[in-house]
Amino acid sequence: MGKGKKVQLSIGDKTFYAVVTVFLALIGLIVLYPLIYVVSCSFSTPESVMAGDVVLFPTEFSLEGYKAVFRNKKVLLGVRNSAFYTVFGTMINIFMTTLAAYPLSRRDMPGQGPIMMLFTFTMIFSGGMIPNYLLVRNLGILNTVWAMLLPGAIAVYNMIIMRTFFQSSIPQELLEAAQIDGCSDIKYLLEVVLPLSKSIFAVITLYYAVAHWNAYFNAFMYLSKDQLYPLQIFLREILIASKVDAEMMIDNMSGGPVFGIEHILKYSLIVVSTIPMLIIYPFVQKHFVKGVMIGAVKG
């Protein structure tokens, strides 16, 4: 076949590609439509949403839903708490996961096999909800921020991915050369391993950050103070329990109630709670495929 010559597709191949394209387009529409609908409803007036006028695009553009969201002190408190848990929780996760993954990636570590079996065992069997609650209570961290940060300090699955990345992507010769030059293990980890592991750290950071931002069950089980609740608990009260504060119903301009605001408030809350993760994802996207494939396929 000459250079630049186009490959001639048979009728069967063309039919196959056409069917696959149409099928994937339909799947894409099925996935995208609910997201577009939620965003469109959040930018529409309560009356148009209640009347069912919103199909694809916003009708009678309005920001009342977002104004109501940001007027509510509980929602702002939830955003602040979730941001705190996400930032500091992810820092703890990355620190603890690295401390576990790096030693277990070293071939010269004694007892590597039994320790890995112990970690893997926890992925299959756990104490259960009540023992976990009793443990948190006996540690004295119930109704504190530590109840949201410490119980999930290490995700074994993420630790295994990071360990496999270290084993498959960091050449053993680098360690040997560093040891010849008198480099300590800590210095080797900080100055050699970590700079070469940006892709896997980006992926693991995204995993942990999304988990913390969406954390709901731990807060529901370990916290009873409103001032410590993450955003997801307040979303539950509004989306499931249908609890809406009176201040969210008031129009700033007229001082009177906004009719039907609860109908668009739910959509606005969903958009607000989703935006932070959508902002973070593009910054780690270039590392995502590389980090996952290298860390999960080899080894």
C-alpha atoms as a PDB file:
ATOM      1  CA  MET A   1       0.000   0.000   0.000  1.00  0.00           C
ATOM      2  CA  GLY A   2       1.485   3.326  -1.069  1.00  0.00           C
ATOM      3  CA  LYS A   3       2.146   6.162   1.345  1.00  0.00           C
ATOM      4  CA  GLY A   4      -0.903   8.360   1.900  1.00  0.00           C
ATOM      5  CA  LYS A   5      -3.236   5.993   0.092  1.00  0.00           C
ATOM      6  CA  LYS A   6      -6.647   5.766   1.738  1.00  0.00           C
ATOM      7  CA  VAL A   7      -7.883   2.391   2.885  1.00  0.00           C
ATOM      8  CA  GLN A   8     -10.993   1.334   0.948  1.00  0.00           C
ATOM      9  CA  LEU A   9     -13.695   0.158   3.326  1.00  0.00           C
ATOM     10  CA  SER A  10     -16.142  -2.513   2.311  1.00  0.00           C
ATOM     11  CA  ILE A  11     -19.875  -1.970   2.531  1.00  0.00           C
ATOM     12  CA  GLY A  12     -19.944  -4.202   5.598  1.00  0.00           C
ATOM     13  CA  ASP A  13     -17.265  -2.113   7.342  1.00  0.00           C
ATOM     14  CA  LYS A  14     -19.052   1.127   6.542  1.00  0.00           C
ATOM     15  CA  THR A  15     -22.311  -0.292   7.854  1.00  0.00           C
ATOM     16  CA  PHE A  16     -20.618  -1.488  11.029  1.00  0.00           C
ATOM     17  CA  TYR A  17     -18.983   1.916  11.703  1.00  0.00           C
ATOM     18  CA  ALA A  18     -22.254   3.704  11.007  1.00  0.00           C
ATOM     19  CA  VAL A  19     -24.170   1.473  13.434  1.00  0.00           C
ATOM     20  CA  VAL A  20     -21.488   1.878  16.127  1.00  0.00           C
ATOM     21  CA  THR A  21     -21.450   5.664  15.670  1.00  0.00           C
ATOM     22  CA  VAL A  22     -25.222   5.927  15.953  1.00  0.00           C
ATOM     23  CA  PHE A  23     -25.259   3.623  18.981  1.00  0.00           C
ATOM     24  CA  LEU A  24     -22.549   5.604  20.805  1.00  0.00           C
ATOM     25  CA  ALA A  25     -24.294   8.873  19.953  1.00  0.00           C
ATOM     26  CA  LEU A  26     -27.523   7.552  21.482  1.00  0.00           C
ATOM     27  CA  ILE A  27     -25.691   6.399  24.614  1.00  0.00           C
ATOM     28  CA  GLY A  28     -24.058   9.819  24.847  1.00  0.00           C
ATOM     29  CA  LEU A  29     -27.428  11.554  24.601  1.00  0.00           C
ATOM     30  CA  ILE A  30     -28.919   9.282  27.249  1.00  0.00           C
ATOM     31  CA  VAL A  31     -26.059  10.140  29.617  1.00  0.00           C
ATOM     32  CA  LEU A  32     -25.938  13.865  28.821  1.00  0.00           C
ATOM     33  CA  TYR A  33     -29.650  14.670  28.780  1.00  0.00           C
ATOM     34  CA  PRO A  34     -30.247  14.387  32.567  1.00  0.00           C
ATOM     35  CA  LEU A  35     -27.210  16.606  33.201  1.00  0.00           C
ATOM     36  CA  ILE A  36     -28.371  19.210  30.668  1.00  0.00           C
ATOM     37  CA  TYR A  37     -31.895  19.062  32.081  1.00  0.00           C
ATOM     38  CA  VAL A  38     -30.675  19.706  35.639  1.00  0.00           C
ATOM     39  CA  VAL A  39     -28.571  22.685  34.522  1.00  0.00           C
ATOM     40  CA  SER A  40     -31.429  24.079  32.414  1.00  0.00           C
ATOM     41  CA  CYS A  41     -33.913  23.807  35.279  1.00  0.00           C
ATOM     42  CA  SER A  42     -31.484  25.561  37.626  1.00  0.00           C
ATOM     43  CA  PHE A  43     -31.422  28.579  35.283  1.00  0.00           C
ATOM     44  CA  SER A  44     -35.184  28.694  34.718  1.00  0.00           C
ATOM     45  CA  THR A  45     -37.988  30.323  36.676  1.00  0.00           C
ATOM     46  CA  PRO A  46     -39.882  28.253  39.264  1.00  0.00           C
ATOM     47  CA  GLU A  47     -43.108  28.694  37.299  1.00  0.00           C
ATOM     48  CA  SER A  48     -41.652  27.230  34.082  1.00  0.00           C
ATOM     49  CA  VAL A  49     -40.178  24.254  35.938  1.00  0.00           C
ATOM     50  CA  MET A  50     -43.452  23.566  37.740  1.00  0.00           C
ATOM     51  CA  ALA A  51     -45.349  23.814  34.436  1.00  0.00           C
ATOM     52  CA  GLY A  52     -42.971  21.353  32.758  1.00  0.00           C
ATOM     53  CA  ASP A  53     -41.886  23.841  30.092  1.00  0.00           C
ATOM     54  CA  VAL A  54     -38.193  22.978  30.461  1.00  0.00           C
ATOM     55  CA  VAL A  55     -37.238  20.228  28.028  1.00  0.00           C
ATOM     56  CA  LEU A  56     -33.666  20.892  26.937  1.00  0.00           C
ATOM     57  CA  PHE A  57     -32.784  24.575  27.297  1.00  0.00           C
ATOM     58  CA  PRO A  58     -33.690  27.053  30.057  1.00  0.00           C
ATOM     59  CA  THR A  59     -36.993  28.888  29.684  1.00  0.00           C
ATOM     60  CA  GLU A  60     -37.493  32.352  31.176  1.00  0.00           C
ATOM     61  CA  PHE A  61     -33.878  32.653  32.344  1.00  0.00           C
ATOM     62  CA  SER A  62     -33.591  33.217  36.089  1.00  0.00           C
ATOM     63  CA  LEU A  63     -30.946  33.055  38.821  1.00  0.00           C
ATOM     64  CA  GLU A  64     -33.399  32.795  41.707  1.00  0.00           C
ATOM     65  CA  GLY A  65     -32.311  29.249  42.514  1.00  0.00           C
ATOM     66  CA  TYR A  66     -28.655  30.229  42.878  1.00  0.00           C
ATOM     67  CA  LYS A  67     -29.543  33.356  44.852  1.00  0.00           C
ATOM     68  CA  ALA A  68     -31.519  31.190  47.265  1.00  0.00           C
ATOM     69  CA  VAL A  69     -28.639  28.729  47.586  1.00  0.00           C
ATOM     70  CA  PHE A  70     -26.079  31.378  48.476  1.00  0.00           C
ATOM     71  CA  ARG A  71     -28.483  33.148  50.844  1.00  0.00           C
ATOM     72  CA  ASN A  72     -28.674  30.037  52.970  1.00  0.00           C
ATOM     73  CA  LYS A  73     -26.125  29.949  55.775  1.00  0.00           C
ATOM     74  CA  LYS A  74     -26.285  26.158  56.080  1.00  0.00           C
ATOM     75  CA  VAL A  75     -25.357  25.636  52.444  1.00  0.00           C
ATOM     76  CA  LEU A  76     -22.399  28.008  52.767  1.00  0.00           C
ATOM     77  CA  LEU A  77     -21.388  26.223  55.971  1.00  0.00           C
ATOM     78  CA  GLY A  78     -21.627  22.894  54.168  1.00  0.00           C
ATOM     79  CA  VAL A  79     -19.468  24.133  51.292  1.00  0.00           C
ATOM     80  CA  ARG A  80     -16.851  25.389  53.763  1.00  0.00           C
ATOM     81  CA  ASN A  81     -16.840  22.113  55.718  1.00  0.00           C
ATOM     82  CA  SER A  82     -16.688  19.962  52.585  1.00  0.00           C
ATOM     83  CA  ALA A  83     -13.803  22.052  51.239  1.00  0.00           C
ATOM     84  CA  PHE A  84     -11.960  21.628  54.546  1.00  0.00           C
ATOM     85  CA  TYR A  85     -12.531  17.860  54.623  1.00  0.00           C
ATOM     86  CA  THR A  86     -11.515  17.543  50.976  1.00  0.00           C
ATOM     87  CA  VAL A  87      -8.268  19.522  51.229  1.00  0.00           C
ATOM     88  CA  PHE A  88      -6.963  18.260  54.551  1.00  0.00           C
ATOM     89  CA  GLY A  89      -8.420  14.772  54.165  1.00  0.00           C
ATOM     90  CA  THR A  90      -6.734  14.352  50.787  1.00  0.00           C
ATOM     91  CA  MET A  91      -3.420  15.569  52.232  1.00  0.00           C
ATOM     92  CA  ILE A  92      -3.662  12.956  54.993  1.00  0.00           C
ATOM     93  CA  ASN A  93      -4.640  10.272  52.472  1.00  0.00           C
ATOM     94  CA  ILE A  94      -1.720  11.002  50.136  1.00  0.00           C
ATOM     95  CA  PHE A  95       0.751  11.144  53.037  1.00  0.00           C
ATOM     96  CA  MET A  96      -0.403   7.864  54.584  1.00  0.00           C
ATOM     97  CA  THR A  97      -0.803   6.076  51.255  1.00  0.00           C
ATOM     98  CA  THR A  98       2.732   7.041  50.189  1.00  0.00           C
ATOM     99  CA  LEU A  99       4.176   5.885  53.514  1.00  0.00           C
ATOM    100  CA  ALA A 100       2.535   2.487  52.974  1.00  0.00           C
ATOM    101  CA  ALA A 101       3.045   2.105  49.210  1.00  0.00           C
ATOM    102  CA  TYR A 102       6.723   3.037  48.954  1.00  0.00           C
ATOM    103  CA  PRO A 103       8.129   0.569  51.531  1.00  0.00           C
ATOM    104  CA  LEU A 104       5.928  -2.198  50.132  1.00  0.00           C
ATOM    105  CA  SER A 105       7.300  -1.494  46.652  1.00  0.00           C
ATOM    106  CA  ARG A 106      10.870  -2.153  47.778  1.00  0.00           C
ATOM    107  CA  ARG A 107      12.083  -5.672  47.043  1.00  0.00           C
ATOM    108  CA  ASP A 108      14.420  -5.592  50.048  1.00  0.00           C
ATOM    109  CA  MET A 109      11.640  -4.994  52.583  1.00  0.00           C
ATOM    110  CA  PRO A 110      11.332  -7.963  54.976  1.00  0.00           C
ATOM    111  CA  GLY A 111       7.842  -9.427  55.426  1.00  0.00           C
ATOM    112  CA  GLN A 112       6.490  -7.749  52.331  1.00  0.00           C
ATOM    113  CA  GLY A 113       4.236 -10.692  51.380  1.00  0.00           C
ATOM    114  CA  PRO A 114       2.447 -11.132  54.749  1.00  0.00           C
ATOM    115  CA  ILE A 115       1.932  -7.380  55.106  1.00  0.00           C
ATOM    116  CA  MET A 116       0.366  -7.162  51.645  1.00  0.00           C
ATOM    117  CA  MET A 117      -1.878 -10.102  52.501  1.00  0.00           C
ATOM    118  CA  LEU A 118      -2.987  -8.251  55.634  1.00  0.00           C
ATOM    119  CA  PHE A 119      -3.844  -5.141  53.609  1.00  0.00           C
ATOM    120  CA  THR A 120      -5.673  -7.212  50.996  1.00  0.00           C
ATOM    121  CA  PHE A 121      -7.633  -9.031  53.695  1.00  0.00           C
ATOM    122  CA  THR A 122      -9.206  -5.733  54.772  1.00  0.00           C
ATOM    123  CA  MET A 123     -10.571  -5.234  51.244  1.00  0.00           C
ATOM    124  CA  ILE A 124     -12.618  -8.422  51.550  1.00  0.00           C
ATOM    125  CA  PHE A 125     -13.538  -8.535  55.236  1.00  0.00           C
ATOM    126  CA  SER A 126     -14.304  -5.701  57.636  1.00  0.00           C
ATOM    127  CA  GLY A 127     -15.614  -5.356  61.164  1.00  0.00           C
ATOM    128  CA  GLY A 128     -18.872  -3.799  60.039  1.00  0.00           C
ATOM    129  CA  MET A 129     -20.785  -0.642  60.841  1.00  0.00           C
ATOM    130  CA  ILE A 130     -21.258  -1.080  64.594  1.00  0.00           C
ATOM    131  CA  PRO A 131     -17.605  -2.012  65.382  1.00  0.00           C
ATOM    132  CA  ASN A 132     -16.457   0.953  63.293  1.00  0.00           C
ATOM    133  CA  TYR A 133     -18.754   3.269  65.214  1.00  0.00           C
ATOM    134  CA  LEU A 134     -17.559   1.891  68.556  1.00  0.00           C
ATOM    135  CA  LEU A 135     -13.945   2.312  67.467  1.00  0.00           C
ATOM    136  CA  VAL A 136     -14.478   5.948  66.506  1.00  0.00           C
ATOM    137  CA  ARG A 137     -16.303   6.589  69.777  1.00  0.00           C
ATOM    138  CA  ASN A 138     -13.616   4.908  71.908  1.00  0.00           C
ATOM    139  CA  LEU A 139     -10.917   6.903  70.141  1.00  0.00           C
ATOM    140  CA  GLY A 140     -12.709  10.036  71.302  1.00  0.00           C
ATOM    141  CA  ILE A 141     -13.130  11.541  67.850  1.00  0.00           C
ATOM    142  CA  LEU A 142     -16.909  11.228  67.590  1.00  0.00           C
ATOM    143  CA  ASN A 143     -18.474  14.575  66.618  1.00  0.00           C
ATOM    144  CA  THR A 144     -15.097  16.030  65.655  1.00  0.00           C
ATOM    145  CA  VAL A 145     -13.516  16.789  62.279  1.00  0.00           C
ATOM    146  CA  TRP A 146     -11.191  13.819  62.816  1.00  0.00           C
ATOM    147  CA  ALA A 147     -14.128  11.455  62.422  1.00  0.00           C
ATOM    148  CA  MET A 148     -14.243  12.574  58.777  1.00  0.00           C
ATOM    149  CA  LEU A 149     -10.481  12.496  58.199  1.00  0.00           C
ATOM    150  CA  LEU A 150      -8.945   9.522  60.019  1.00  0.00           C
ATOM    151  CA  PRO A 151     -11.195   6.432  59.508  1.00  0.00           C
ATOM    152  CA  GLY A 152     -10.472   6.398  55.774  1.00  0.00           C
ATOM    153  CA  ALA A 153      -6.856   7.580  55.929  1.00  0.00           C
ATOM    154  CA  ILE A 154      -5.763   4.804  53.540  1.00  0.00           C
ATOM    155  CA  ALA A 155      -7.749   3.206  50.733  1.00  0.00           C
ATOM    156  CA  VAL A 156      -6.072  -0.133  50.111  1.00  0.00           C
ATOM    157  CA  TYR A 157      -7.031  -0.137  46.429  1.00  0.00           C
ATOM    158  CA  ASN A 158      -5.298   3.213  45.902  1.00  0.00           C
ATOM    159  CA  MET A 159      -2.296   2.052  47.900  1.00  0.00           C
ATOM    160  CA  ILE A 160      -1.927  -1.012  45.667  1.00  0.00           C
ATOM    161  CA  ILE A 161      -2.115   1.147  42.535  1.00  0.00           C
ATOM    162  CA  MET A 162       0.585   3.463  43.878  1.00  0.00           C
ATOM    163  CA  ARG A 163       2.775   0.551  44.992  1.00  0.00           C
ATOM    164  CA  THR A 164       2.517  -1.077  41.571  1.00  0.00           C
ATOM    165  CA  PHE A 165       3.417   2.228  39.920  1.00  0.00           C
ATOM    166  CA  PHE A 166       6.550   2.539  42.052  1.00  0.00           C
ATOM    167  CA  GLN A 167       7.566  -1.029  41.199  1.00  0.00           C
ATOM    168  CA  SER A 168       6.948  -0.805  37.464  1.00  0.00           C
ATOM    169  CA  SER A 169       7.905   2.792  36.645  1.00  0.00           C
ATOM    170  CA  ILE A 170      10.829   3.640  38.947  1.00  0.00           C
ATOM    171  CA  PRO A 171      13.960   1.759  37.737  1.00  0.00           C
ATOM    172  CA  GLN A 172      15.795  -0.257  40.374  1.00  0.00           C
ATOM    173  CA  GLU A 173      19.048   1.182  39.014  1.00  0.00           C
ATOM    174  CA  LEU A 174      18.078   4.621  40.355  1.00  0.00           C
ATOM    175  CA  LEU A 175      17.911   3.238  43.885  1.00  0.00           C
ATOM    176  CA  GLU A 176      21.240   1.481  43.515  1.00  0.00           C
ATOM    177  CA  ALA A 177      22.899   4.624  42.158  1.00  0.00           C
ATOM    178  CA  ALA A 178      21.424   6.703  44.977  1.00  0.00           C
ATOM    179  CA  GLN A 179      22.649   4.237  47.594  1.00  0.00           C
ATOM    180  CA  ILE A 180      26.158   4.322  46.116  1.00  0.00           C
ATOM    181  CA  ASP A 181      26.117   8.123  46.445  1.00  0.00           C
ATOM    182  CA  GLY A 182      25.098   7.789  50.090  1.00  0.00           C
ATOM    183  CA  CYS A 183      21.501   8.929  49.619  1.00  0.00           C
ATOM    184  CA  SER A 184      19.151   8.008  52.486  1.00  0.00           C
ATOM    185  CA  ASP A 185      15.803   6.320  51.900  1.00  0.00           C
ATOM    186  CA  ILE A 186      13.861   9.443  52.874  1.00  0.00           C
ATOM    187  CA  LYS A 187      15.930  11.653  50.575  1.00  0.00           C
ATOM    188  CA  TYR A 188      15.581   9.139  47.742  1.00  0.00           C
ATOM    189  CA  LEU A 189      11.790   9.122  48.201  1.00  0.00           C
ATOM    190  CA  LEU A 190      11.500  12.920  48.319  1.00  0.00           C
ATOM    191  CA  GLU A 191      13.989  13.877  45.617  1.00  0.00           C
ATOM    192  CA  VAL A 192      13.831  10.955  43.180  1.00  0.00           C
ATOM    193  CA  VAL A 193      10.625   8.924  43.535  1.00  0.00           C
ATOM    194  CA  LEU A 194       8.095  11.689  44.106  1.00  0.00           C
ATOM    195  CA  PRO A 195       9.186  13.935  41.178  1.00  0.00           C
ATOM    196  CA  LEU A 196       8.926  10.917  38.853  1.00  0.00           C
ATOM    197  CA  SER A 197       5.456   9.983  40.119  1.00  0.00           C
ATOM    198  CA  LYS A 198       3.433  13.094  39.298  1.00  0.00           C
ATOM    199  CA  SER A 199       0.944  11.194  37.146  1.00  0.00           C
ATOM    200  CA  ILE A 200       0.016   8.621  39.772  1.00  0.00           C
ATOM    201  CA  PHE A 201      -0.193  11.283  42.472  1.00  0.00           C
ATOM    202  CA  ALA A 202      -2.575  13.310  40.298  1.00  0.00           C
ATOM    203  CA  VAL A 203      -4.815  10.279  39.818  1.00  0.00           C
ATOM    204  CA  ILE A 204      -4.806   9.208  43.479  1.00  0.00           C
ATOM    205  CA  THR A 205      -5.396  12.793  44.582  1.00  0.00           C
ATOM    206  CA  LEU A 206      -8.446  12.977  42.321  1.00  0.00           C
ATOM    207  CA  TYR A 207      -9.775   9.675  43.688  1.00  0.00           C
ATOM    208  CA  TYR A 208      -9.433  10.826  47.291  1.00  0.00           C
ATOM    209  CA  ALA A 209     -10.711  14.358  46.650  1.00  0.00           C
ATOM    210  CA  VAL A 210     -13.884  13.117  44.944  1.00  0.00           C
ATOM    211  CA  ALA A 211     -14.476  10.635  47.775  1.00  0.00           C
ATOM    212  CA  HIS A 212     -14.117  13.351  50.415  1.00  0.00           C
ATOM    213  CA  TRP A 213     -16.270  15.860  48.553  1.00  0.00           C
ATOM    214  CA  ASN A 214     -19.056  13.292  48.141  1.00  0.00           C
ATOM    215  CA  ALA A 215     -18.635  11.873  51.671  1.00  0.00           C
ATOM    216  CA  TYR A 216     -22.039  11.358  53.204  1.00  0.00           C
ATOM    217  CA  PHE A 217     -22.317   8.134  55.177  1.00  0.00           C
ATOM    218  CA  ASN A 218     -19.448   8.796  57.610  1.00  0.00           C
ATOM    219  CA  ALA A 219     -20.894  12.214  58.420  1.00  0.00           C
ATOM    220  CA  PHE A 220     -24.342  10.704  58.835  1.00  0.00           C
ATOM    221  CA  MET A 221     -22.983   8.083  61.238  1.00  0.00           C
ATOM    222  CA  TYR A 222     -20.293   9.951  63.193  1.00  0.00           C
ATOM    223  CA  LEU A 223     -21.543  13.564  63.349  1.00  0.00           C
ATOM    224  CA  SER A 224     -24.547  15.096  65.080  1.00  0.00           C
ATOM    225  CA  LYS A 225     -23.449  18.745  65.182  1.00  0.00           C
ATOM    226  CA  ASP A 226     -24.781  20.958  62.402  1.00  0.00           C
ATOM    227  CA  GLN A 227     -21.632  23.086  62.365  1.00  0.00           C
ATOM    228  CA  LEU A 228     -19.588  20.023  61.317  1.00  0.00           C
ATOM    229  CA  TYR A 229     -21.915  18.713  58.599  1.00  0.00           C
ATOM    230  CA  PRO A 230     -20.520  18.547  55.054  1.00  0.00           C
ATOM    231  CA  LEU A 231     -22.510  19.840  52.103  1.00  0.00           C
ATOM    232  CA  GLN A 232     -23.898  16.397  51.296  1.00  0.00           C
ATOM    233  CA  ILE A 233     -25.852  16.205  54.569  1.00  0.00           C
ATOM    234  CA  PHE A 234     -27.541  19.526  53.867  1.00  0.00           C
ATOM    235  CA  LEU A 235     -28.279  18.320  50.333  1.00  0.00           C
ATOM    236  CA  ARG A 236     -29.951  15.266  51.809  1.00  0.00           C
ATOM    237  CA  GLU A 237     -32.178  17.415  54.002  1.00  0.00           C
ATOM    238  CA  ILE A 238     -33.274  19.464  51.006  1.00  0.00           C
ATOM    239  CA  LEU A 239     -33.445  16.775  48.310  1.00  0.00           C
ATOM    240  CA  ILE A 240     -34.858  13.894  50.354  1.00  0.00           C
ATOM    241  CA  ALA A 241     -36.365  15.317  53.512  1.00  0.00           C
ATOM    242  CA  SER A 242     -37.580  18.441  51.601  1.00  0.00           C
ATOM    243  CA  LYS A 243     -36.460  20.798  54.354  1.00  0.00           C
ATOM    244  CA  VAL A 244     -36.086  24.358  53.043  1.00  0.00           C
ATOM    245  CA  ASP A 245     -35.249  27.285  55.313  1.00  0.00           C
ATOM    246  CA  ALA A 246     -37.536  30.295  55.205  1.00  0.00           C
ATOM    247  CA  GLU A 247     -34.635  32.599  54.300  1.00  0.00           C
ATOM    248  CA  MET A 248     -34.150  30.629  51.089  1.00  0.00           C
ATOM    249  CA  MET A 249     -37.714  31.450  50.074  1.00  0.00           C
ATOM    250  CA  ILE A 250     -37.355  35.236  50.343  1.00  0.00           C
ATOM    251  CA  ASP A 251     -36.722  37.500  47.369  1.00  0.00           C
ATOM    252  CA  ASN A 252     -33.941  40.001  48.072  1.00  0.00           C
ATOM    253  CA  MET A 253     -35.569  42.713  45.961  1.00  0.00           C
ATOM    254  CA  SER A 254     -39.153  42.593  47.149  1.00  0.00           C
ATOM    255  CA  GLY A 255     -38.667  40.991  50.546  1.00  0.00           C
ATOM    256  CA  GLY A 256     -41.557  38.650  49.762  1.00  0.00           C
ATOM    257  CA  PRO A 257     -41.575  34.898  49.146  1.00  0.00           C
ATOM    258  CA  VAL A 258     -40.586  33.442  45.789  1.00  0.00           C
ATOM    259  CA  PHE A 259     -43.367  31.127  44.674  1.00  0.00           C
ATOM    260  CA  GLY A 260     -42.193  27.572  43.903  1.00  0.00           C
ATOM    261  CA  ILE A 261     -38.525  28.287  44.701  1.00  0.00           C
ATOM    262  CA  GLU A 262     -38.163  24.797  46.220  1.00  0.00           C
ATOM    263  CA  HIS A 263     -38.664  23.290  42.768  1.00  0.00           C
ATOM    264  CA  ILE A 264     -35.553  24.921  41.264  1.00  0.00           C
ATOM    265  CA  LEU A 265     -33.576  24.987  44.493  1.00  0.00           C
ATOM    266  CA  LYS A 266     -32.849  21.280  44.241  1.00  0.00           C
ATOM    267  CA  TYR A 267     -31.428  21.638  40.743  1.00  0.00           C
ATOM    268  CA  SER A 268     -29.298  24.636  41.729  1.00  0.00           C
ATOM    269  CA  LEU A 269     -27.892  22.733  44.706  1.00  0.00           C
ATOM    270  CA  ILE A 270     -26.931  19.787  42.519  1.00  0.00           C
ATOM    271  CA  VAL A 271     -25.068  22.095  40.124  1.00  0.00           C
ATOM    272  CA  VAL A 272     -23.294  23.949  42.951  1.00  0.00           C
ATOM    273  CA  SER A 273     -22.180  20.704  44.593  1.00  0.00           C
ATOM    274  CA  THR A 274     -20.844  19.348  41.296  1.00  0.00           C
ATOM    275  CA  ILE A 275     -18.894  22.370  40.029  1.00  0.00           C
ATOM    276  CA  PRO A 276     -15.773  22.032  42.264  1.00  0.00           C
ATOM    277  CA  MET A 277     -14.964  18.535  40.976  1.00  0.00           C
ATOM    278  CA  LEU A 278     -15.608  19.637  37.391  1.00  0.00           C
ATOM    279  CA  ILE A 279     -13.095  22.450  37.887  1.00  0.00           C
ATOM    280  CA  ILE A 280     -10.416  20.138  39.310  1.00  0.00           C
ATOM    281  CA  TYR A 281     -10.718  17.385  36.698  1.00  0.00           C
ATOM    282  CA  PRO A 282      -9.233  19.259  33.674  1.00  0.00           C
ATOM    283  CA  PHE A 283      -6.021  19.918  35.618  1.00  0.00           C
ATOM    284  CA  VAL A 284      -5.378  16.205  36.202  1.00  0.00           C
ATOM    285  CA  GLN A 285      -6.894  14.848  32.999  1.00  0.00           C
ATOM    286  CA  LYS A 286      -3.547  14.693  31.176  1.00  0.00           C
ATOM    287  CA  HIS A 287      -2.139  12.471  33.933  1.00  0.00           C
ATOM    288  CA  PHE A 288      -5.263  10.386  34.434  1.00  0.00           C
ATOM    289  CA  VAL A 289      -4.945   7.726  31.710  1.00  0.00           C
ATOM    290  CA  LYS A 290      -1.193   7.357  32.130  1.00  0.00           C
ATOM    291  CA  GLY A 291      -1.394   7.030  35.889  1.00  0.00           C
ATOM    292  CA  VAL A 292      -4.230   4.522  35.910  1.00  0.00           C
ATOM    293  CA  MET A 293      -2.840   2.320  33.135  1.00  0.00           C
ATOM    294  CA  ILE A 294       0.716   2.149  34.487  1.00  0.00           C
ATOM    295  CA  GLY A 295      -0.407   1.682  38.054  1.00  0.00           C
ATOM    296  CA  ALA A 296      -3.118  -0.883  37.446  1.00  0.00           C
ATOM    297  CA  VAL A 297      -2.054  -3.037  34.502  1.00  0.00           C
ATOM    298  CA  LYS A 298       1.535  -3.965  35.239  1.00  0.00           C
ATOM    299  CA  GLY A 299       2.745  -5.939  38.216  1.00  0.00           C
END
